[in-house]
Amino acid sequence: MTERDSPHISAPRLVVLPVQPGSPPFRLVEVGGEVAGTARSVVDVIEIAQQLGVRHLDLEDPDVIRWVGGDQFTWTLQHLL
């Protein structure tokens, strides 16, 4: 098998950190341990992923995205109480 034929994952691993207080509350998005952006909704996470070249983001695929302190539906601090 040549390098060209070998499987290659081009999608970066995204980590969405817990909700932080703010107006509105937000979550930091990391790629490779570096902050890639701030998300105030799942739409922001999708936009950050697209900026990084991820065209088809499966929000439930743990090989692509990891949600810390909640899931894709957790965007307020009240979810954590």
N, C-alpha and C. Protein backbone atom coordinates (compact mmCIF):
# COMPACT_ATOMS: atom_id res chain seq x y z
N MET A 1 0.86 -1.17 0.00
CA MET A 1 0.00 0.00 0.00
C MET A 1 0.90 1.23 0.00
N THR A 2 0.61 2.15 -0.86
CA THR A 2 1.38 3.39 -0.90
C THR A 2 0.77 4.41 0.04
N GLU A 3 1.53 5.48 0.29
CA GLU A 3 1.02 6.53 1.17
C GLU A 3 -0.27 7.12 0.61
N ARG A 4 -0.35 7.24 -0.70
CA ARG A 4 -1.54 7.79 -1.34
C ARG A 4 -2.76 6.92 -1.10
N ASP A 5 -2.56 5.61 -0.99
CA ASP A 5 -3.66 4.68 -0.81
C ASP A 5 -4.04 4.48 0.65
N SER A 6 -3.18 4.91 1.56
CA SER A 6 -3.47 4.67 2.97
C SER A 6 -4.58 5.60 3.46
N PRO A 7 -5.38 5.12 4.39
CA PRO A 7 -6.46 5.97 4.92
C PRO A 7 -5.88 7.15 5.68
N HIS A 8 -6.50 8.29 5.52
CA HIS A 8 -6.04 9.49 6.20
C HIS A 8 -7.25 10.25 6.72
N ILE A 9 -7.24 10.56 8.00
CA ILE A 9 -8.33 11.32 8.59
C ILE A 9 -7.94 12.78 8.53
N SER A 10 -8.70 13.58 7.75
CA SER A 10 -8.34 14.98 7.61
C SER A 10 -9.09 15.87 8.60
N ALA A 11 -10.12 15.31 9.24
CA ALA A 11 -10.92 16.10 10.18
C ALA A 11 -10.19 16.20 11.52
N PRO A 12 -10.00 17.41 12.03
CA PRO A 12 -9.37 17.54 13.34
C PRO A 12 -10.32 17.11 14.46
N ARG A 13 -9.75 16.72 15.55
CA ARG A 13 -10.58 16.37 16.72
C ARG A 13 -10.93 17.66 17.44
N LEU A 14 -12.21 17.92 17.60
CA LEU A 14 -12.72 19.10 18.28
C LEU A 14 -13.10 18.74 19.70
N VAL A 15 -12.80 19.64 20.63
CA VAL A 15 -13.23 19.49 22.02
C VAL A 15 -13.99 20.74 22.39
N VAL A 16 -15.25 20.56 22.80
CA VAL A 16 -16.09 21.68 23.22
C VAL A 16 -16.12 21.65 24.75
N LEU A 17 -15.56 22.69 25.35
CA LEU A 17 -15.42 22.75 26.81
C LEU A 17 -16.73 23.19 27.47
N PRO A 18 -16.82 23.06 28.81
CA PRO A 18 -18.07 23.39 29.52
C PRO A 18 -18.50 24.85 29.34
N VAL A 19 -19.77 25.08 29.60
CA VAL A 19 -20.36 26.42 29.51
C VAL A 19 -19.67 27.35 30.50
N GLN A 20 -19.32 28.53 30.01
CA GLN A 20 -18.69 29.57 30.83
C GLN A 20 -19.68 30.71 31.02
N PRO A 21 -19.65 31.37 32.17
CA PRO A 21 -20.57 32.48 32.38
C PRO A 21 -20.22 33.64 31.45
N GLY A 22 -21.24 34.28 30.98
CA GLY A 22 -21.08 35.43 30.09
C GLY A 22 -22.45 35.90 29.67
N SER A 23 -22.48 36.93 28.88
CA SER A 23 -23.75 37.44 28.39
C SER A 23 -23.69 37.52 26.87
N PRO A 24 -24.07 36.47 26.18
CA PRO A 24 -24.60 35.19 26.64
C PRO A 24 -23.49 34.23 27.07
N PRO A 25 -23.87 33.15 27.76
CA PRO A 25 -22.90 32.12 28.12
C PRO A 25 -22.25 31.56 26.85
N PHE A 26 -21.05 30.99 26.99
CA PHE A 26 -20.33 30.49 25.83
C PHE A 26 -19.53 29.25 26.20
N ARG A 27 -19.04 28.58 25.17
CA ARG A 27 -18.17 27.43 25.35
C ARG A 27 -16.96 27.62 24.45
N LEU A 28 -15.78 27.29 24.96
CA LEU A 28 -14.57 27.34 24.15
C LEU A 28 -14.46 26.06 23.33
N VAL A 29 -13.95 26.20 22.12
CA VAL A 29 -13.74 25.06 21.24
C VAL A 29 -12.23 24.91 21.03
N GLU A 30 -11.71 23.73 21.31
CA GLU A 30 -10.28 23.46 21.15
C GLU A 30 -10.05 22.46 20.02
N VAL A 31 -8.91 22.64 19.37
CA VAL A 31 -8.43 21.68 18.37
C VAL A 31 -6.97 21.42 18.70
N GLY A 32 -6.65 20.20 18.94
CA GLY A 32 -5.27 19.86 19.27
C GLY A 32 -4.75 20.56 20.52
N GLY A 33 -5.64 20.81 21.48
CA GLY A 33 -5.25 21.45 22.72
C GLY A 33 -5.15 22.96 22.65
N GLU A 34 -5.40 23.53 21.49
CA GLU A 34 -5.36 24.98 21.30
C GLU A 34 -6.77 25.51 21.10
N VAL A 35 -7.06 26.67 21.69
CA VAL A 35 -8.38 27.27 21.53
C VAL A 35 -8.54 27.71 20.08
N ALA A 36 -9.59 27.22 19.44
CA ALA A 36 -9.87 27.54 18.03
C ALA A 36 -10.97 28.59 17.91
N GLY A 37 -11.76 28.77 18.97
CA GLY A 37 -12.82 29.76 18.90
C GLY A 37 -13.76 29.68 20.09
N THR A 38 -14.72 30.61 20.08
CA THR A 38 -15.74 30.70 21.11
C THR A 38 -17.08 30.39 20.48
N ALA A 39 -17.85 29.54 21.13
CA ALA A 39 -19.16 29.16 20.60
C ALA A 39 -20.26 29.56 21.58
N ARG A 40 -21.27 30.19 21.06
CA ARG A 40 -22.45 30.54 21.86
C ARG A 40 -23.65 29.67 21.49
N SER A 41 -23.45 28.82 20.47
CA SER A 41 -24.48 27.88 20.05
C SER A 41 -23.82 26.78 19.23
N VAL A 42 -24.57 25.74 18.95
CA VAL A 42 -24.04 24.65 18.14
C VAL A 42 -23.70 25.13 16.74
N VAL A 43 -24.38 26.17 16.27
CA VAL A 43 -24.08 26.73 14.95
C VAL A 43 -22.65 27.26 14.92
N ASP A 44 -22.22 27.89 16.01
CA ASP A 44 -20.84 28.39 16.10
C ASP A 44 -19.84 27.24 16.03
N VAL A 45 -20.15 26.12 16.67
CA VAL A 45 -19.26 24.95 16.63
C VAL A 45 -19.13 24.46 15.19
N ILE A 46 -20.24 24.40 14.49
CA ILE A 46 -20.23 23.96 13.09
C ILE A 46 -19.41 24.92 12.24
N GLU A 47 -19.57 26.23 12.46
CA GLU A 47 -18.82 27.22 11.70
C GLU A 47 -17.32 27.11 11.96
N ILE A 48 -16.94 26.90 13.22
CA ILE A 48 -15.52 26.73 13.55
C ILE A 48 -14.98 25.50 12.84
N ALA A 49 -15.72 24.41 12.87
CA ALA A 49 -15.30 23.18 12.20
C ALA A 49 -15.13 23.41 10.70
N GLN A 50 -16.06 24.13 10.09
CA GLN A 50 -15.96 24.40 8.66
C GLN A 50 -14.73 25.25 8.34
N GLN A 51 -14.41 26.20 9.20
CA GLN A 51 -13.21 27.02 9.00
C GLN A 51 -11.94 26.18 9.06
N LEU A 52 -12.01 25.06 9.78
CA LEU A 52 -10.88 24.16 9.90
C LEU A 52 -10.87 23.08 8.82
N GLY A 53 -11.84 23.14 7.93
CA GLY A 53 -11.89 22.20 6.82
C GLY A 53 -12.80 21.00 7.02
N VAL A 54 -13.52 20.94 8.12
CA VAL A 54 -14.45 19.84 8.35
C VAL A 54 -15.77 20.20 7.68
N ARG A 55 -16.14 19.47 6.66
CA ARG A 55 -17.34 19.82 5.90
C ARG A 55 -18.59 19.10 6.40
N HIS A 56 -18.43 17.90 6.91
CA HIS A 56 -19.58 17.12 7.37
C HIS A 56 -19.31 16.71 8.82
N LEU A 57 -19.78 17.53 9.73
CA LEU A 57 -19.52 17.32 11.15
C LEU A 57 -20.66 16.53 11.78
N ASP A 58 -20.34 15.34 12.27
CA ASP A 58 -21.31 14.53 13.00
C ASP A 58 -21.16 14.90 14.47
N LEU A 59 -22.12 15.63 15.01
CA LEU A 59 -22.05 16.15 16.37
C LEU A 59 -22.09 15.07 17.43
N GLU A 60 -22.38 13.83 17.05
CA GLU A 60 -22.45 12.73 18.00
C GLU A 60 -21.32 11.72 17.83
N ASP A 61 -20.38 11.99 16.93
CA ASP A 61 -19.28 11.06 16.68
C ASP A 61 -18.11 11.39 17.60
N PRO A 62 -17.85 10.54 18.60
CA PRO A 62 -16.78 10.83 19.55
C PRO A 62 -15.38 10.79 18.92
N ASP A 63 -15.24 10.24 17.72
CA ASP A 63 -13.95 10.27 17.04
C ASP A 63 -13.66 11.63 16.43
N VAL A 64 -14.70 12.46 16.31
CA VAL A 64 -14.56 13.77 15.69
C VAL A 64 -14.71 14.90 16.71
N ILE A 65 -15.66 14.74 17.63
CA ILE A 65 -15.96 15.82 18.56
C ILE A 65 -16.19 15.26 19.96
N ARG A 66 -15.67 15.97 20.94
CA ARG A 66 -15.87 15.58 22.35
C ARG A 66 -16.52 16.74 23.07
N TRP A 67 -17.64 16.45 23.72
CA TRP A 67 -18.39 17.46 24.48
C TRP A 67 -18.05 17.28 25.95
N VAL A 68 -17.55 18.33 26.61
CA VAL A 68 -17.19 18.29 28.02
C VAL A 68 -18.19 19.14 28.79
N GLY A 69 -18.76 18.58 29.84
CA GLY A 69 -19.69 19.35 30.66
C GLY A 69 -21.04 19.55 30.01
N GLY A 70 -21.47 18.59 29.24
CA GLY A 70 -22.76 18.66 28.57
C GLY A 70 -22.62 18.19 27.14
N ASP A 71 -23.72 18.27 26.40
CA ASP A 71 -23.71 17.84 25.01
C ASP A 71 -24.01 19.02 24.10
N GLN A 72 -24.37 18.73 22.86
CA GLN A 72 -24.64 19.80 21.90
C GLN A 72 -25.88 20.61 22.25
N PHE A 73 -26.64 20.17 23.23
CA PHE A 73 -27.85 20.90 23.64
C PHE A 73 -27.61 21.74 24.91
N THR A 74 -26.41 21.69 25.45
CA THR A 74 -26.08 22.39 26.70
C THR A 74 -25.41 23.73 26.39
N TRP A 75 -26.17 24.81 26.57
CA TRP A 75 -25.64 26.14 26.26
C TRP A 75 -25.93 27.17 27.34
N THR A 76 -26.49 26.75 28.45
CA THR A 76 -26.73 27.67 29.57
C THR A 76 -26.21 27.02 30.84
N LEU A 77 -25.93 27.83 31.82
CA LEU A 77 -25.45 27.33 33.10
C LEU A 77 -26.54 26.58 33.85
N GLN A 78 -27.81 26.87 33.58
CA GLN A 78 -28.92 26.20 34.27
C GLN A 78 -28.91 24.69 33.98
N HIS A 79 -28.42 24.29 32.80
CA HIS A 79 -28.34 22.86 32.50
C HIS A 79 -27.42 22.13 33.48
N LEU A 80 -26.53 22.88 34.11
CA LEU A 80 -25.53 22.24 34.98
C LEU A 80 -25.95 22.21 36.44
N LEU A 81 -27.05 22.85 36.80
CA LEU A 81 -27.47 22.90 38.19
C LEU A 81 -28.19 21.65 38.61
